[in-house]
Protein backbone atom coordinates (compact mmCIF):
# COMPACT_ATOMS: atom_id res chain seq x y z
CA UNK A 1 54.55 102.86 119.39
CA UNK A 2 56.62 106.09 119.36
CA UNK A 3 57.47 105.69 115.67
CA UNK A 4 53.81 105.29 114.84
CA UNK A 5 52.88 108.36 116.88
CA UNK A 6 55.68 110.35 115.24
CA UNK A 7 54.39 109.38 111.78
CA UNK A 8 50.89 110.59 112.69
CA UNK A 9 52.20 113.87 114.09
CA UNK A 10 54.32 114.41 110.96
CA UNK A 11 51.36 113.60 108.68
CA UNK A 12 49.07 115.97 110.60
CA UNK A 13 51.74 118.71 110.54
CA UNK A 14 52.26 118.43 106.79
CA UNK A 15 48.50 118.38 106.22
CA UNK A 16 48.04 121.55 108.30
CA UNK A 17 50.83 123.32 106.41
CA UNK A 18 49.22 122.39 103.09
CA UNK A 19 45.82 123.61 104.32
CA UNK A 20 47.34 126.94 105.44
CA UNK A 21 49.06 127.47 102.08
CA UNK A 22 45.90 126.61 100.15
CA UNK A 23 43.90 128.99 102.34
CA UNK A 24 46.41 131.80 101.87
CA UNK A 25 46.52 131.20 98.12
CA UNK A 26 42.70 131.24 97.94
CA UNK A 27 42.62 134.73 99.43
CA UNK A 28 45.41 135.95 97.15
CA UNK A 29 47.73 136.53 100.11
CA UNK A 30 50.70 134.75 98.55
CA UNK A 31 50.33 136.77 95.36
CA UNK A 32 49.95 140.08 97.20
CA UNK A 33 53.07 139.45 99.30
CA UNK A 34 55.01 138.61 96.14
CA UNK A 35 54.53 142.07 94.62
CA UNK A 36 57.30 144.70 94.83
CA UNK A 37 54.69 147.24 95.97
CA UNK A 38 54.14 145.08 99.08
CA UNK A 39 57.89 144.99 99.80
CA UNK A 40 58.07 148.76 99.31
CA UNK A 41 55.40 149.50 101.92
CA UNK A 42 57.89 149.30 104.77
CA UNK A 43 59.60 152.68 105.12
CA UNK A 44 62.96 150.97 105.54
CA UNK A 45 62.63 149.53 102.02
CA UNK A 46 61.62 152.78 100.30
CA UNK A 47 65.10 153.51 98.91
CA UNK A 48 65.42 150.00 97.51
CA UNK A 49 61.92 150.13 96.04
CA UNK A 50 62.53 153.54 94.46
CA UNK A 51 65.81 152.48 92.87
CA UNK A 52 64.18 149.27 91.62
CA UNK A 53 61.18 151.02 90.06
CA UNK A 54 63.30 153.76 88.49
CA UNK A 55 66.04 151.31 87.50
CA UNK A 56 66.67 149.95 84.08
CA UNK A 57 67.33 146.34 83.27
CA UNK A 58 65.68 144.53 86.15
CA UNK A 59 62.64 146.66 86.97
CA UNK A 60 60.38 144.22 85.16
CA UNK A 61 61.04 141.40 87.63
CA UNK A 62 59.84 141.02 91.22
CA UNK A 63 61.93 141.25 94.38
CA UNK A 64 61.30 137.56 95.01
CA UNK A 65 62.84 136.64 91.65
CA UNK A 66 66.24 137.67 93.01
CA UNK A 67 65.92 137.47 96.78
CA UNK A 68 64.15 134.11 97.29
CA UNK A 69 65.52 130.73 96.12
CA UNK A 70 63.81 129.74 92.88
CA UNK A 71 65.31 126.29 92.38
CA UNK A 72 62.18 124.38 93.53
CA UNK A 73 58.65 125.39 94.56
CA UNK A 74 59.10 123.79 97.99
CA UNK A 75 62.36 125.66 98.65
CA UNK A 76 60.78 128.87 97.33
CA UNK A 77 57.78 128.73 99.69
CA UNK A 78 59.86 127.63 102.68
CA UNK A 79 62.24 130.58 102.28
CA UNK A 80 59.43 132.99 101.40
CA UNK A 81 57.87 132.09 104.75
CA UNK A 82 61.15 132.27 106.66
CA UNK A 83 62.34 135.55 105.14
CA UNK A 84 58.90 137.15 105.24
CA UNK A 85 58.38 136.25 108.88
CA UNK A 86 61.88 137.44 109.80
CA UNK A 87 61.40 140.76 107.98
CA UNK A 88 57.97 141.26 109.54
CA UNK A 89 59.24 140.59 113.07
CA UNK A 90 62.34 142.77 112.69
CA UNK A 91 60.29 145.64 111.28
CA UNK A 92 57.50 145.52 113.87
CA UNK A 93 59.89 145.02 116.78
CA UNK A 94 61.68 148.19 115.69
CA UNK A 95 65.12 146.60 115.40
CA UNK A 96 65.76 147.42 111.76
CA UNK A 97 69.35 148.51 111.21
CA UNK A 98 69.99 151.96 109.74
CA UNK A 99 71.76 150.42 106.74
CA UNK A 100 70.17 147.22 105.48
CA UNK A 101 72.83 144.69 104.49
CA UNK A 102 72.27 141.38 102.82
CA UNK A 103 73.23 138.22 104.69
CA UNK A 104 75.67 135.62 103.40
CA UNK A 105 72.69 133.33 102.70
CA UNK A 106 71.03 136.16 100.76
CA UNK A 107 74.17 136.66 98.69
CA UNK A 108 74.24 132.97 97.78
CA UNK A 109 70.56 133.11 96.79
CA UNK A 110 71.05 136.18 94.60
CA UNK A 111 74.14 134.69 92.95
CA UNK A 112 72.25 131.47 92.26
CA UNK A 113 69.31 133.39 90.77
CA UNK A 114 71.61 135.51 88.58
CA UNK A 115 73.15 132.33 87.20
CA UNK A 116 69.70 130.73 86.75
CA UNK A 117 68.38 133.66 84.70
CA UNK A 118 71.56 134.35 82.73
CA UNK A 119 72.70 130.74 82.35
CA UNK A 120 73.49 131.09 78.65
CA UNK A 121 75.97 133.92 79.20
CA UNK A 122 77.38 132.59 82.45
CA UNK A 123 78.11 129.17 80.96
CA UNK A 124 80.75 130.81 78.74
CA UNK A 125 82.59 132.39 81.69
CA UNK A 126 85.52 130.93 83.57
CA UNK A 127 85.77 130.69 87.35
CA UNK A 128 82.24 132.00 88.02
CA UNK A 129 82.32 130.17 91.38
CA UNK A 130 85.08 132.48 92.61
CA UNK A 131 83.23 135.79 92.22
CA UNK A 132 79.85 137.44 92.58
CA UNK A 133 77.98 138.80 89.59
CA UNK A 134 77.53 142.22 91.23
CA UNK A 135 81.29 142.65 91.62
CA UNK A 136 81.38 143.56 87.92
CA UNK A 137 77.74 144.49 87.36
CA UNK A 138 77.54 147.25 89.98
CA UNK A 139 74.45 148.86 88.42
CA UNK A 140 72.40 145.86 89.55
CA UNK A 141 72.86 146.96 93.17
CA UNK A 142 70.00 148.96 94.65
CA UNK A 143 72.56 151.56 95.71
CA UNK A 144 73.89 152.21 92.24
CA UNK A 145 70.89 151.89 89.95
CA UNK A 146 67.88 153.84 88.91
CA UNK A 147 67.15 157.21 90.47
CA UNK A 148 70.36 157.43 92.47
CA UNK A 149 72.42 156.86 89.37
CA UNK A 150 70.76 159.70 87.47
CA UNK A 151 70.82 162.27 90.30
């Protein structure tokens, strides 16, 4: 009896999640929250947004292309929801740190996305597992690209 009830609860939960995502997509909410201009609306992200928009090589891609897992659609939307909710809560609760630092999970996501986009070049490198792309490519960092680099 409990297994049957659990199956129904799971089915209803998944159905509700699908309905919510379809509703949000219908109103363009998912697309709006995927734009760099949306990310840059929070005053704590202004420096990162400015360096991205004034930057060189990567200013044609969105924040979510680097900062959200892009291996599968399911993983993408799960982490978009988790990270977006976390950022929203931290910002509106007023507990944003003075210096924003990326988490260890965020570093793994960025590294994975670098490799995904630049797979052809990376496949020719040795020991890529032992280092981060931004250790050598410092201009990719929000701190060292774009406007700050030219000032």
